[in-house]
Amino acid sequence: MAIYSGKDMPKEVGRTTMDAEVKNWLKDGPVLGSHEPIAAQRAAHDRFIDADKPPIGKVEHLGLAGPHGTIPVRCYHPSKPGLADGAALVYLHGGGYIVGSLDQFDTAMRLFAENSGAQVYAVDYKLAPEYKFPVQIEEDEFVVRWLHDHAKERGVDPARIALGGDSAGGNQTCVVALKLRDEGGPKLALQMPIYPEAALPFNTRAGIENRSGSYVDTAGVLLFAWCYIPQGVDYSQPYITPLNAPSHANLPKTLLVTCGFDMLRDVAHAYGLKLAAAGNDLTYVHYDDLPHGFIQMTRHSRRCMESTLEIARLVGQALKGSKAAAAKR
């Protein structure tokens, strides 16, 4: 693991040797972007539901009246005050827009909340192909704006609301951050894209060397794009491909996470270089020995657990408030 700032980001990142425990688990773990029907892939991903759940103070189940119907949101309350006490993280799960449930991400959300001190709001946005762009973006933005409007009654400091997500959720994180900036919407305290799909990865070194065997297949991105993007819509636009934004200036403080065994490694790293060049406050973390999806593999690899806890602590540091602000609540 290496941590960089925007001032000392490496020109490129790579991979070393995959952690042995997670490599062994992946041998018969679920595959995202496989040639199985989408329904079969969704069912297979229930392998990520852990019977032994990490401790948490309280789990609250919400149903928000969103622009496309009810949006289920699961709020995780830490059992004790932490660094980010009074802050909140809205989280958008991964799964190529076609797979993923709150249950499958339950362990990671508990770890993020309990070890950062922030409330975590996991969003069950509607999946493709049943629902296509921009439905997901509109639901994500709705939840961020809803929390900002209801922050005080939720025990949240409206100035310390973060948005994060992994993979397809990382893409949506970058997009919503761009959109809120462009629209003059609520100012995010932090964006946290974890191995985000900042662009299509087909011609990158990472896309080719990680084309199979690291949980998600590079060719599967074709399926994700076909399911998510309506026919005829320009997939190069910034609200689908955030790497292509005309400007990456004035974006929120960013915690960007990449990993070595990931077809999205290079496009996510390129996004980080754009953020750094535009003068944003950036913390960049690269795990050269882990695969895409590692935050869901903490019960199968000590290294995945350690890395996920490290991310949670970095969230806590990024969202920590002053003692005076805490006293006012």
C-alpha atoms as a PDB file:
ATOM      1  CA  MET A   1       0.000   0.000   0.000  1.00  0.00           C
ATOM      2  CA  ALA A   2       1.236   3.469  -0.859  1.00  0.00           C
ATOM      3  CA  ILE A   3      -0.360   6.828  -0.012  1.00  0.00           C
ATOM      4  CA  TYR A   4       0.334   9.926  -2.071  1.00  0.00           C
ATOM      5  CA  SER A   5      -0.840  13.514  -2.238  1.00  0.00           C
ATOM      6  CA  GLY A   6      -1.683  15.374  -5.410  1.00  0.00           C
ATOM      7  CA  LYS A   7       1.827  16.845  -5.328  1.00  0.00           C
ATOM      8  CA  ASP A   8       3.711  13.549  -5.420  1.00  0.00           C
ATOM      9  CA  MET A   9       1.431  11.246  -7.429  1.00  0.00           C
ATOM     10  CA  PRO A  10       3.358   8.658  -9.443  1.00  0.00           C
ATOM     11  CA  LYS A  11       3.167   8.936 -13.229  1.00  0.00           C
ATOM     12  CA  GLU A  12       1.886   5.366 -13.348  1.00  0.00           C
ATOM     13  CA  VAL A  13       1.030   2.494 -11.016  1.00  0.00           C
ATOM     14  CA  GLY A  14       1.072  -1.260 -11.488  1.00  0.00           C
ATOM     15  CA  ARG A  15       0.648  -4.573  -9.753  1.00  0.00           C
ATOM     16  CA  THR A  16       2.957  -6.897  -7.827  1.00  0.00           C
ATOM     17  CA  THR A  17       1.838 -10.314  -6.529  1.00  0.00           C
ATOM     18  CA  MET A  18      -1.776 -10.829  -5.552  1.00  0.00           C
ATOM     19  CA  ASP A  19      -2.426 -11.480  -1.878  1.00  0.00           C
ATOM     20  CA  ALA A  20      -2.461 -15.275  -1.531  1.00  0.00           C
ATOM     21  CA  GLU A  21      -5.623 -15.504   0.589  1.00  0.00           C
ATOM     22  CA  VAL A  22      -7.782 -13.479  -1.768  1.00  0.00           C
ATOM     23  CA  LYS A  23      -6.290 -15.207  -4.813  1.00  0.00           C
ATOM     24  CA  ASN A  24      -7.312 -18.552  -3.378  1.00  0.00           C
ATOM     25  CA  TRP A  25     -10.855 -17.322  -2.607  1.00  0.00           C
ATOM     26  CA  LEU A  26     -11.284 -15.926  -6.125  1.00  0.00           C
ATOM     27  CA  LYS A  27     -10.801 -19.393  -7.629  1.00  0.00           C
ATOM     28  CA  ASP A  28     -14.467 -20.209  -7.001  1.00  0.00           C
ATOM     29  CA  GLY A  29     -15.804 -16.768  -6.103  1.00  0.00           C
ATOM     30  CA  PRO A  30     -18.362 -14.843  -8.181  1.00  0.00           C
ATOM     31  CA  VAL A  31     -17.322 -13.304 -11.491  1.00  0.00           C
ATOM     32  CA  LEU A  32     -18.691  -9.932 -12.548  1.00  0.00           C
ATOM     33  CA  GLY A  33     -19.039  -9.493 -16.297  1.00  0.00           C
ATOM     34  CA  SER A  34     -19.073 -13.219 -16.974  1.00  0.00           C
ATOM     35  CA  HIS A  35     -21.016 -14.893 -19.768  1.00  0.00           C
ATOM     36  CA  GLU A  36     -23.697 -15.927 -17.296  1.00  0.00           C
ATOM     37  CA  PRO A  37     -27.139 -14.257 -17.532  1.00  0.00           C
ATOM     38  CA  ILE A  38     -27.472 -11.128 -15.395  1.00  0.00           C
ATOM     39  CA  ALA A  39     -29.936 -12.866 -13.068  1.00  0.00           C
ATOM     40  CA  ALA A  40     -27.379 -15.625 -12.446  1.00  0.00           C
ATOM     41  CA  GLN A  41     -24.634 -13.082 -11.763  1.00  0.00           C
ATOM     42  CA  ARG A  42     -26.865 -11.274  -9.255  1.00  0.00           C
ATOM     43  CA  ALA A  43     -27.580 -14.501  -7.395  1.00  0.00           C
ATOM     44  CA  ALA A  44     -23.905 -15.535  -7.441  1.00  0.00           C
ATOM     45  CA  HIS A  45     -22.953 -12.273  -5.761  1.00  0.00           C
ATOM     46  CA  ASP A  46     -24.779 -13.331  -2.616  1.00  0.00           C
ATOM     47  CA  ARG A  47     -21.436 -15.011  -1.846  1.00  0.00           C
ATOM     48  CA  PHE A  48     -20.492 -11.555  -0.572  1.00  0.00           C
ATOM     49  CA  ILE A  49     -23.107 -11.717   2.203  1.00  0.00           C
ATOM     50  CA  ASP A  50     -21.215 -12.561   5.387  1.00  0.00           C
ATOM     51  CA  ALA A  51     -22.939 -14.531   8.153  1.00  0.00           C
ATOM     52  CA  ASP A  52     -20.583 -13.081  10.753  1.00  0.00           C
ATOM     53  CA  LYS A  53     -21.189  -9.334  10.716  1.00  0.00           C
ATOM     54  CA  PRO A  54     -18.926  -6.670  12.265  1.00  0.00           C
ATOM     55  CA  PRO A  55     -20.393  -4.784  15.220  1.00  0.00           C
ATOM     56  CA  ILE A  56     -22.274  -1.535  14.631  1.00  0.00           C
ATOM     57  CA  GLY A  57     -24.310   0.759  16.841  1.00  0.00           C
ATOM     58  CA  LYS A  58     -27.550   0.703  14.864  1.00  0.00           C
ATOM     59  CA  VAL A  59     -28.747  -0.027  11.342  1.00  0.00           C
ATOM     60  CA  GLU A  60     -31.630   2.138  10.177  1.00  0.00           C
ATOM     61  CA  HIS A  61     -33.747   1.309   7.120  1.00  0.00           C
ATOM     62  CA  LEU A  62     -35.093   4.318   5.207  1.00  0.00           C
ATOM     63  CA  GLY A  63     -37.286   4.661   2.129  1.00  0.00           C
ATOM     64  CA  LEU A  64     -36.973   8.003   0.344  1.00  0.00           C
ATOM     65  CA  ALA A  65     -39.575   9.238  -2.140  1.00  0.00           C
ATOM     66  CA  GLY A  66     -37.184   9.832  -5.031  1.00  0.00           C
ATOM     67  CA  PRO A  67     -37.618  11.014  -8.622  1.00  0.00           C
ATOM     68  CA  HIS A  68     -38.167   7.466  -9.916  1.00  0.00           C
ATOM     69  CA  GLY A  69     -39.998   5.913  -6.981  1.00  0.00           C
ATOM     70  CA  THR A  70     -38.845   4.747  -3.570  1.00  0.00           C
ATOM     71  CA  ILE A  71     -35.085   4.697  -2.931  1.00  0.00           C
ATOM     72  CA  PRO A  72     -34.139   2.260  -0.144  1.00  0.00           C
ATOM     73  CA  VAL A  73     -31.311   3.671   1.965  1.00  0.00           C
ATOM     74  CA  ARG A  74     -29.581   1.821   4.795  1.00  0.00           C
ATOM     75  CA  CYS A  75     -28.052   4.087   7.441  1.00  0.00           C
ATOM     76  CA  TYR A  76     -25.254   2.737   9.632  1.00  0.00           C
ATOM     77  CA  HIS A  77     -24.722   4.465  12.986  1.00  0.00           C
ATOM     78  CA  PRO A  78     -21.397   3.858  14.771  1.00  0.00           C
ATOM     79  CA  SER A  79     -21.563   2.414  18.279  1.00  0.00           C
ATOM     80  CA  LYS A  80     -19.267   5.126  19.657  1.00  0.00           C
ATOM     81  CA  PRO A  81     -17.994   8.578  18.652  1.00  0.00           C
ATOM     82  CA  GLY A  82     -15.071   8.508  16.264  1.00  0.00           C
ATOM     83  CA  LEU A  83     -12.938  10.988  14.337  1.00  0.00           C
ATOM     84  CA  ALA A  84     -15.792  11.777  11.946  1.00  0.00           C
ATOM     85  CA  ASP A  85     -18.488  12.032  14.626  1.00  0.00           C
ATOM     86  CA  GLY A  86     -21.275  14.221  13.237  1.00  0.00           C
ATOM     87  CA  ALA A  87     -20.244  13.646   9.610  1.00  0.00           C
ATOM     88  CA  ALA A  88     -21.901  11.414   7.015  1.00  0.00           C
ATOM     89  CA  LEU A  89     -20.868   9.364   4.000  1.00  0.00           C
ATOM     90  CA  VAL A  90     -23.413   8.685   1.242  1.00  0.00           C
ATOM     91  CA  TYR A  91     -22.254   5.447  -0.395  1.00  0.00           C
ATOM     92  CA  LEU A  92     -22.975   4.086  -3.895  1.00  0.00           C
ATOM     93  CA  HIS A  93     -22.161   0.396  -4.282  1.00  0.00           C
ATOM     94  CA  GLY A  94     -20.402  -1.238  -7.196  1.00  0.00           C
ATOM     95  CA  GLY A  95     -21.507  -4.015  -9.524  1.00  0.00           C
ATOM     96  CA  GLY A  96     -21.221  -2.700 -13.081  1.00  0.00           C
ATOM     97  CA  TYR A  97     -24.649  -1.015 -12.730  1.00  0.00           C
ATOM     98  CA  ILE A  98     -26.237  -4.481 -13.159  1.00  0.00           C
ATOM     99  CA  VAL A  99     -25.372  -6.260  -9.879  1.00  0.00           C
ATOM    100  CA  GLY A 100     -25.145  -5.339  -6.230  1.00  0.00           C
ATOM    101  CA  SER A 101     -27.396  -5.124  -3.182  1.00  0.00           C
ATOM    102  CA  LEU A 102     -27.185  -3.497   0.224  1.00  0.00           C
ATOM    103  CA  ASP A 103     -26.847  -6.941   1.800  1.00  0.00           C
ATOM    104  CA  GLN A 104     -23.804  -7.727  -0.365  1.00  0.00           C
ATOM    105  CA  PHE A 105     -22.064  -4.546   0.840  1.00  0.00           C
ATOM    106  CA  ASP A 106     -23.236  -4.751   4.443  1.00  0.00           C
ATOM    107  CA  THR A 107     -19.872  -5.770   5.922  1.00  0.00           C
ATOM    108  CA  ALA A 108     -17.939  -2.957   4.225  1.00  0.00           C
ATOM    109  CA  MET A 109     -20.500  -0.347   5.259  1.00  0.00           C
ATOM    110  CA  ARG A 110     -20.335  -1.481   8.878  1.00  0.00           C
ATOM    111  CA  LEU A 111     -16.538  -1.266   8.803  1.00  0.00           C
ATOM    112  CA  PHE A 112     -16.595   2.200   7.243  1.00  0.00           C
ATOM    113  CA  ALA A 113     -19.065   3.575   9.800  1.00  0.00           C
ATOM    114  CA  GLU A 114     -17.646   1.957  12.934  1.00  0.00           C
ATOM    115  CA  ASN A 115     -14.012   2.809  12.114  1.00  0.00           C
ATOM    116  CA  SER A 116     -14.503   6.339  10.783  1.00  0.00           C
ATOM    117  CA  GLY A 117     -17.163   7.570  13.195  1.00  0.00           C
ATOM    118  CA  ALA A 118     -19.353   8.847  10.361  1.00  0.00           C
ATOM    119  CA  GLN A 119     -22.925   7.823   9.654  1.00  0.00           C
ATOM    120  CA  VAL A 120     -22.947   5.842   6.403  1.00  0.00           C
ATOM    121  CA  TYR A 121     -25.948   6.046   4.070  1.00  0.00           C
ATOM    122  CA  ALA A 122     -25.812   3.146   1.579  1.00  0.00           C
ATOM    123  CA  VAL A 123     -28.037   3.823  -1.441  1.00  0.00           C
ATOM    124  CA  ASP A 124     -29.944   1.033  -3.184  1.00  0.00           C
ATOM    125  CA  TYR A 125     -30.157   2.836  -6.525  1.00  0.00           C
ATOM    126  CA  LYS A 126     -32.038   1.127  -9.350  1.00  0.00           C
ATOM    127  CA  LEU A 127     -30.052  -1.320 -11.468  1.00  0.00           C
ATOM    128  CA  ALA A 128     -29.593  -1.624 -15.212  1.00  0.00           C
ATOM    129  CA  PRO A 129     -30.764  -2.849 -17.666  1.00  0.00           C
ATOM    130  CA  GLU A 130     -34.228  -2.336 -16.140  1.00  0.00           C
ATOM    131  CA  TYR A 131     -33.286   1.285 -15.446  1.00  0.00           C
ATOM    132  CA  LYS A 132     -30.794   3.208 -17.549  1.00  0.00           C
ATOM    133  CA  PHE A 133     -28.781   6.427 -17.356  1.00  0.00           C
ATOM    134  CA  PRO A 134     -29.517   8.993 -15.990  1.00  0.00           C
ATOM    135  CA  VAL A 135     -31.896   7.306 -13.501  1.00  0.00           C
ATOM    136  CA  GLN A 136     -29.052   6.211 -11.220  1.00  0.00           C
ATOM    137  CA  ILE A 137     -27.360   9.627 -11.260  1.00  0.00           C
ATOM    138  CA  GLU A 138     -30.654  11.373 -10.497  1.00  0.00           C
ATOM    139  CA  GLU A 139     -31.314   9.037  -7.557  1.00  0.00           C
ATOM    140  CA  ASP A 140     -27.783   9.496  -6.184  1.00  0.00           C
ATOM    141  CA  GLU A 141     -28.008  13.281  -6.409  1.00  0.00           C
ATOM    142  CA  PHE A 142     -31.448  13.203  -4.782  1.00  0.00           C
ATOM    143  CA  VAL A 143     -30.081  11.351  -1.732  1.00  0.00           C
ATOM    144  CA  VAL A 144     -27.173  13.796  -1.334  1.00  0.00           C
ATOM    145  CA  ARG A 145     -29.522  16.786  -1.543  1.00  0.00           C
ATOM    146  CA  TRP A 146     -32.038  15.120   0.803  1.00  0.00           C
ATOM    147  CA  LEU A 147     -29.373  14.514   3.431  1.00  0.00           C
ATOM    148  CA  HIS A 148     -28.079  18.056   3.107  1.00  0.00           C
ATOM    149  CA  ASP A 149     -31.607  19.398   3.620  1.00  0.00           C
ATOM    150  CA  HIS A 150     -32.295  17.097   6.599  1.00  0.00           C
ATOM    151  CA  ALA A 151     -28.795  17.060   8.075  1.00  0.00           C
ATOM    152  CA  LYS A 152     -29.475  18.727  11.406  1.00  0.00           C
ATOM    153  CA  GLU A 153     -32.438  16.513  12.268  1.00  0.00           C
ATOM    154  CA  ARG A 154     -30.248  13.505  11.397  1.00  0.00           C
ATOM    155  CA  GLY A 155     -27.460  14.670  13.705  1.00  0.00           C
ATOM    156  CA  VAL A 156     -25.227  15.471  10.734  1.00  0.00           C
ATOM    157  CA  ASP A 157     -23.130  18.563  10.063  1.00  0.00           C
ATOM    158  CA  PRO A 158     -24.232  19.695   6.566  1.00  0.00           C
ATOM    159  CA  ALA A 159     -20.699  20.950   5.904  1.00  0.00           C
ATOM    160  CA  ARG A 160     -19.288  17.428   6.472  1.00  0.00           C
ATOM    161  CA  ILE A 161     -21.244  15.270   4.038  1.00  0.00           C
ATOM    162  CA  ALA A 162     -19.141  13.027   1.794  1.00  0.00           C
ATOM    163  CA  LEU A 163     -20.001  10.940  -1.254  1.00  0.00           C
ATOM    164  CA  GLY A 164     -18.243   7.676  -2.019  1.00  0.00           C
ATOM    165  CA  GLY A 165     -18.611   4.519  -4.037  1.00  0.00           C
ATOM    166  CA  ASP A 166     -16.696   1.702  -5.672  1.00  0.00           C
ATOM    167  CA  SER A 167     -16.405   0.646  -9.329  1.00  0.00           C
ATOM    168  CA  ALA A 168     -19.690   1.674 -11.009  1.00  0.00           C
ATOM    169  CA  GLY A 169     -20.518   3.450  -7.748  1.00  0.00           C
ATOM    170  CA  GLY A 170     -17.142   5.174  -8.023  1.00  0.00           C
ATOM    171  CA  ASN A 171     -18.116   6.350 -11.505  1.00  0.00           C
ATOM    172  CA  GLN A 172     -21.369   7.718 -10.107  1.00  0.00           C
ATOM    173  CA  THR A 173     -19.472   9.409  -7.275  1.00  0.00           C
ATOM    174  CA  CYS A 174     -17.253  11.282  -9.736  1.00  0.00           C
ATOM    175  CA  VAL A 175     -20.253  12.166 -11.909  1.00  0.00           C
ATOM    176  CA  VAL A 176     -22.416  13.493  -9.071  1.00  0.00           C
ATOM    177  CA  ALA A 177     -19.470  15.525  -7.746  1.00  0.00           C
ATOM    178  CA  LEU A 178     -19.092  17.086 -11.212  1.00  0.00           C
ATOM    179  CA  LYS A 179     -22.828  17.679 -11.490  1.00  0.00           C
ATOM    180  CA  LEU A 180     -23.125  19.343  -8.083  1.00  0.00           C
ATOM    181  CA  ARG A 181     -20.183  21.578  -8.949  1.00  0.00           C
ATOM    182  CA  ASP A 182     -21.691  22.493 -12.318  1.00  0.00           C
ATOM    183  CA  GLU A 183     -25.132  23.180 -10.817  1.00  0.00           C
ATOM    184  CA  GLY A 184     -23.905  25.064  -7.756  1.00  0.00           C
ATOM    185  CA  GLY A 185     -25.437  22.354  -5.566  1.00  0.00           C
ATOM    186  CA  PRO A 186     -24.505  21.415  -1.994  1.00  0.00           C
ATOM    187  CA  LYS A 187     -20.749  21.392  -1.499  1.00  0.00           C
ATOM    188  CA  LEU A 188     -19.385  17.957  -0.687  1.00  0.00           C
ATOM    189  CA  ALA A 189     -16.802  17.747   2.078  1.00  0.00           C
ATOM    190  CA  LEU A 190     -15.175  14.775   0.356  1.00  0.00           C
ATOM    191  CA  GLN A 191     -15.553  12.494  -2.627  1.00  0.00           C
ATOM    192  CA  MET A 192     -14.223   8.950  -2.273  1.00  0.00           C
ATOM    193  CA  PRO A 193     -14.097   7.008  -5.542  1.00  0.00           C
ATOM    194  CA  ILE A 194     -12.783   3.481  -4.931  1.00  0.00           C
ATOM    195  CA  TYR A 195     -11.423   1.786  -8.084  1.00  0.00           C
ATOM    196  CA  PRO A 196     -13.833   3.952 -10.131  1.00  0.00           C
ATOM    197  CA  GLU A 197     -14.801   3.473 -13.748  1.00  0.00           C
ATOM    198  CA  ALA A 198     -13.543   6.920 -14.771  1.00  0.00           C
ATOM    199  CA  ALA A 199     -13.506   5.812 -18.428  1.00  0.00           C
ATOM    200  CA  LEU A 200     -13.772   2.641 -20.507  1.00  0.00           C
ATOM    201  CA  PRO A 201     -10.564   0.659 -19.882  1.00  0.00           C
ATOM    202  CA  PHE A 202     -10.158  -1.441 -23.039  1.00  0.00           C
ATOM    203  CA  ASN A 203      -6.940   0.041 -24.464  1.00  0.00           C
ATOM    204  CA  THR A 204      -5.112   0.444 -21.158  1.00  0.00           C
ATOM    205  CA  ARG A 205      -2.329  -1.756 -19.846  1.00  0.00           C
ATOM    206  CA  ALA A 206      -4.455  -2.499 -16.763  1.00  0.00           C
ATOM    207  CA  GLY A 207      -7.426  -3.535 -18.892  1.00  0.00           C
ATOM    208  CA  ILE A 208      -5.340  -5.975 -20.879  1.00  0.00           C
ATOM    209  CA  GLU A 209      -3.244  -7.518 -18.105  1.00  0.00           C
ATOM    210  CA  ASN A 210      -6.256  -7.881 -15.781  1.00  0.00           C
ATOM    211  CA  ARG A 211      -8.694  -9.043 -18.449  1.00  0.00           C
ATOM    212  CA  SER A 212      -9.700 -12.093 -16.394  1.00  0.00           C
ATOM    213  CA  GLY A 213      -9.081 -13.801 -13.068  1.00  0.00           C
ATOM    214  CA  SER A 214      -9.293 -10.745 -10.793  1.00  0.00           C
ATOM    215  CA  TYR A 215     -13.027 -10.973 -10.002  1.00  0.00           C
ATOM    216  CA  VAL A 216     -14.279  -8.799 -12.885  1.00  0.00           C
ATOM    217  CA  ASP A 217     -13.580  -9.392 -16.599  1.00  0.00           C
ATOM    218  CA  THR A 218     -12.520  -6.442 -18.760  1.00  0.00           C
ATOM    219  CA  ALA A 219     -14.804  -7.599 -21.577  1.00  0.00           C
ATOM    220  CA  GLY A 220     -17.681  -7.457 -19.111  1.00  0.00           C
ATOM    221  CA  VAL A 221     -17.502  -3.667 -19.264  1.00  0.00           C
ATOM    222  CA  LEU A 222     -19.096  -3.973 -22.704  1.00  0.00           C
ATOM    223  CA  LEU A 223     -22.097  -5.584 -21.008  1.00  0.00           C
ATOM    224  CA  PHE A 224     -22.181  -2.912 -18.315  1.00  0.00           C
ATOM    225  CA  ALA A 225     -22.128  -0.095 -20.870  1.00  0.00           C
ATOM    226  CA  TRP A 226     -24.759  -1.756 -23.073  1.00  0.00           C
ATOM    227  CA  CYS A 227     -27.083  -2.196 -20.093  1.00  0.00           C
ATOM    228  CA  TYR A 228     -26.509   1.247 -18.564  1.00  0.00           C
ATOM    229  CA  ILE A 229     -26.358   3.625 -21.536  1.00  0.00           C
ATOM    230  CA  PRO A 230     -29.512   4.188 -23.605  1.00  0.00           C
ATOM    231  CA  GLN A 231     -29.158   3.527 -27.313  1.00  0.00           C
ATOM    232  CA  GLY A 232     -27.745   6.527 -29.130  1.00  0.00           C
ATOM    233  CA  VAL A 233     -26.570   8.410 -26.031  1.00  0.00           C
ATOM    234  CA  ASP A 234     -23.007   9.757 -26.241  1.00  0.00           C
ATOM    235  CA  TYR A 235     -21.003   7.607 -23.826  1.00  0.00           C
ATOM    236  CA  SER A 236     -18.038  10.018 -23.959  1.00  0.00           C
ATOM    237  CA  GLN A 237     -19.918  12.812 -22.168  1.00  0.00           C
ATOM    238  CA  PRO A 238     -18.533  13.735 -18.721  1.00  0.00           C
ATOM    239  CA  TYR A 239     -21.643  12.586 -16.846  1.00  0.00           C
ATOM    240  CA  ILE A 240     -20.956   9.060 -18.134  1.00  0.00           C
ATOM    241  CA  THR A 241     -17.163   9.294 -18.546  1.00  0.00           C
ATOM    242  CA  PRO A 242     -15.957  11.717 -15.836  1.00  0.00           C
ATOM    243  CA  LEU A 243     -12.357  11.562 -17.076  1.00  0.00           C
ATOM    244  CA  ASN A 244     -13.586  13.606 -20.060  1.00  0.00           C
ATOM    245  CA  ALA A 245     -14.831  16.626 -18.087  1.00  0.00           C
ATOM    246  CA  PRO A 246     -13.618  19.879 -19.724  1.00  0.00           C
ATOM    247  CA  SER A 247     -12.378  20.954 -16.298  1.00  0.00           C
ATOM    248  CA  HIS A 248     -11.607  19.068 -13.097  1.00  0.00           C
ATOM    249  CA  ALA A 249     -11.061  22.234 -11.083  1.00  0.00           C
ATOM    250  CA  ASN A 250     -12.970  23.138  -7.929  1.00  0.00           C
ATOM    251  CA  LEU A 251     -13.962  19.564  -7.098  1.00  0.00           C
ATOM    252  CA  PRO A 252     -14.250  18.376  -3.487  1.00  0.00           C
ATOM    253  CA  LYS A 253     -11.361  17.119  -1.431  1.00  0.00           C
ATOM    254  CA  THR A 254     -10.779  13.617  -2.775  1.00  0.00           C
ATOM    255  CA  LEU A 255      -9.753  10.248  -1.366  1.00  0.00           C
ATOM    256  CA  LEU A 256      -9.040   8.111  -4.456  1.00  0.00           C
ATOM    257  CA  VAL A 257      -8.333   4.388  -4.068  1.00  0.00           C
ATOM    258  CA  THR A 258      -6.961   2.046  -6.745  1.00  0.00           C
ATOM    259  CA  CYS A 259      -5.596  -1.489  -6.761  1.00  0.00           C
ATOM    260  CA  GLY A 260      -3.134  -3.394  -8.904  1.00  0.00           C
ATOM    261  CA  PHE A 261      -5.250  -6.321 -10.082  1.00  0.00           C
ATOM    262  CA  ASP A 262      -7.992  -4.212 -11.623  1.00  0.00           C
ATOM    263  CA  MET A 263      -8.884  -3.429 -15.221  1.00  0.00           C
ATOM    264  CA  LEU A 264      -9.902   0.084 -14.049  1.00  0.00           C
ATOM    265  CA  ARG A 265      -6.551   0.833 -12.382  1.00  0.00           C
ATOM    266  CA  ASP A 266      -5.151   3.029 -15.154  1.00  0.00           C
ATOM    267  CA  VAL A 267      -8.301   5.030 -15.939  1.00  0.00           C
ATOM    268  CA  ALA A 268      -8.797   5.712 -12.232  1.00  0.00           C
ATOM    269  CA  HIS A 269      -5.153   6.766 -11.890  1.00  0.00           C
ATOM    270  CA  ALA A 270      -5.568   9.060 -14.909  1.00  0.00           C
ATOM    271  CA  TYR A 271      -8.536  10.664 -13.156  1.00  0.00           C
ATOM    272  CA  GLY A 272      -6.304  11.271 -10.138  1.00  0.00           C
ATOM    273  CA  LEU A 273      -3.695  12.953 -12.337  1.00  0.00           C
ATOM    274  CA  LYS A 274      -6.422  15.261 -13.703  1.00  0.00           C
ATOM    275  CA  LEU A 275      -7.518  16.162 -10.159  1.00  0.00           C
ATOM    276  CA  ALA A 276      -3.930  16.853  -9.130  1.00  0.00           C
ATOM    277  CA  ALA A 277      -3.188  18.971 -12.220  1.00  0.00           C
ATOM    278  CA  ALA A 278      -6.316  21.046 -11.499  1.00  0.00           C
ATOM    279  CA  GLY A 279      -5.051  21.825  -7.987  1.00  0.00           C
ATOM    280  CA  ASN A 280      -7.560  19.796  -5.964  1.00  0.00           C
ATOM    281  CA  ASP A 281      -6.869  18.481  -2.460  1.00  0.00           C
ATOM    282  CA  LEU A 282      -6.105  14.813  -3.200  1.00  0.00           C
ATOM    283  CA  THR A 283      -5.108  11.768  -1.188  1.00  0.00           C
ATOM    284  CA  TYR A 284      -4.304   8.862  -3.494  1.00  0.00           C
ATOM    285  CA  VAL A 285      -4.021   5.308  -2.160  1.00  0.00           C
ATOM    286  CA  HIS A 286      -2.820   2.376  -4.260  1.00  0.00           C
ATOM    287  CA  TYR A 287      -2.886  -1.280  -3.180  1.00  0.00           C
ATOM    288  CA  ASP A 288      -0.658  -3.063  -5.687  1.00  0.00           C
ATOM    289  CA  ASP A 289      -1.425  -6.578  -4.397  1.00  0.00           C
ATOM    290  CA  LEU A 290      -5.240  -6.498  -4.275  1.00  0.00           C
ATOM    291  CA  PRO A 291      -8.005  -7.141  -6.828  1.00  0.00           C
ATOM    292  CA  HIS A 292     -11.010  -5.111  -7.855  1.00  0.00           C
ATOM    293  CA  GLY A 293     -13.802  -5.565  -5.295  1.00  0.00           C
ATOM    294  CA  PHE A 294     -11.499  -6.141  -2.340  1.00  0.00           C
ATOM    295  CA  ILE A 295     -13.674  -4.198   0.148  1.00  0.00           C
ATOM    296  CA  GLN A 296     -16.218  -7.030  -0.185  1.00  0.00           C
ATOM    297  CA  MET A 297     -13.619  -9.743   0.497  1.00  0.00           C
ATOM    298  CA  THR A 298     -12.640  -8.859   4.064  1.00  0.00           C
ATOM    299  CA  ARG A 299     -13.895 -12.161   5.503  1.00  0.00           C
ATOM    300  CA  HIS A 300     -11.644 -14.094   3.136  1.00  0.00           C
ATOM    301  CA  SER A 301      -8.367 -12.156   3.329  1.00  0.00           C
ATOM    302  CA  ARG A 302      -6.581 -10.476   6.207  1.00  0.00           C
ATOM    303  CA  ARG A 303      -5.010  -8.073   3.704  1.00  0.00           C
ATOM    304  CA  CYS A 304      -8.423  -7.044   2.346  1.00  0.00           C
ATOM    305  CA  MET A 305      -9.618  -6.422   5.894  1.00  0.00           C
ATOM    306  CA  GLU A 306      -6.574  -4.330   6.809  1.00  0.00           C
ATOM    307  CA  SER A 307      -6.908  -2.257   3.643  1.00  0.00           C
ATOM    308  CA  THR A 308     -10.626  -1.628   4.130  1.00  0.00           C
ATOM    309  CA  LEU A 309      -9.985  -0.535   7.720  1.00  0.00           C
ATOM    310  CA  GLU A 310      -7.242   1.777   6.466  1.00  0.00           C
ATOM    311  CA  ILE A 311      -9.717   3.417   4.068  1.00  0.00           C
ATOM    312  CA  ALA A 312     -12.198   3.845   6.934  1.00  0.00           C
ATOM    313  CA  ARG A 313      -9.550   5.568   9.045  1.00  0.00           C
ATOM    314  CA  LEU A 314      -8.668   7.892   6.164  1.00  0.00           C
ATOM    315  CA  VAL A 315     -12.366   8.784   5.849  1.00  0.00           C
ATOM    316  CA  GLY A 316     -12.392   9.579   9.554  1.00  0.00           C
ATOM    317  CA  GLN A 317      -9.359  11.841   9.188  1.00  0.00           C
ATOM    318  CA  ALA A 318     -10.841  13.597   6.145  1.00  0.00           C
ATOM    319  CA  LEU A 319     -14.201  14.261   7.815  1.00  0.00           C
ATOM    320  CA  LYS A 320     -13.123  15.000  11.378  1.00  0.00           C
ATOM    321  CA  GLY A 321     -14.717  18.068  12.909  1.00  0.00           C
ATOM    322  CA  SER A 322     -13.565  20.600  15.445  1.00  0.00           C
ATOM    323  CA  LYS A 323     -14.337  20.206  19.160  1.00  0.00           C
ATOM    324  CA  ALA A 324     -16.256  23.476  19.033  1.00  0.00           C
ATOM    325  CA  ALA A 325     -18.515  22.199  16.254  1.00  0.00           C
ATOM    326  CA  ALA A 326     -19.141  18.980  18.157  1.00  0.00           C
ATOM    327  CA  ALA A 327     -20.079  20.928  21.277  1.00  0.00           C
ATOM    328  CA  LYS A 328     -22.714  22.912  19.363  1.00  0.00           C
ATOM    329  CA  ARG A 329     -24.532  19.709  18.359  1.00  0.00           C
END
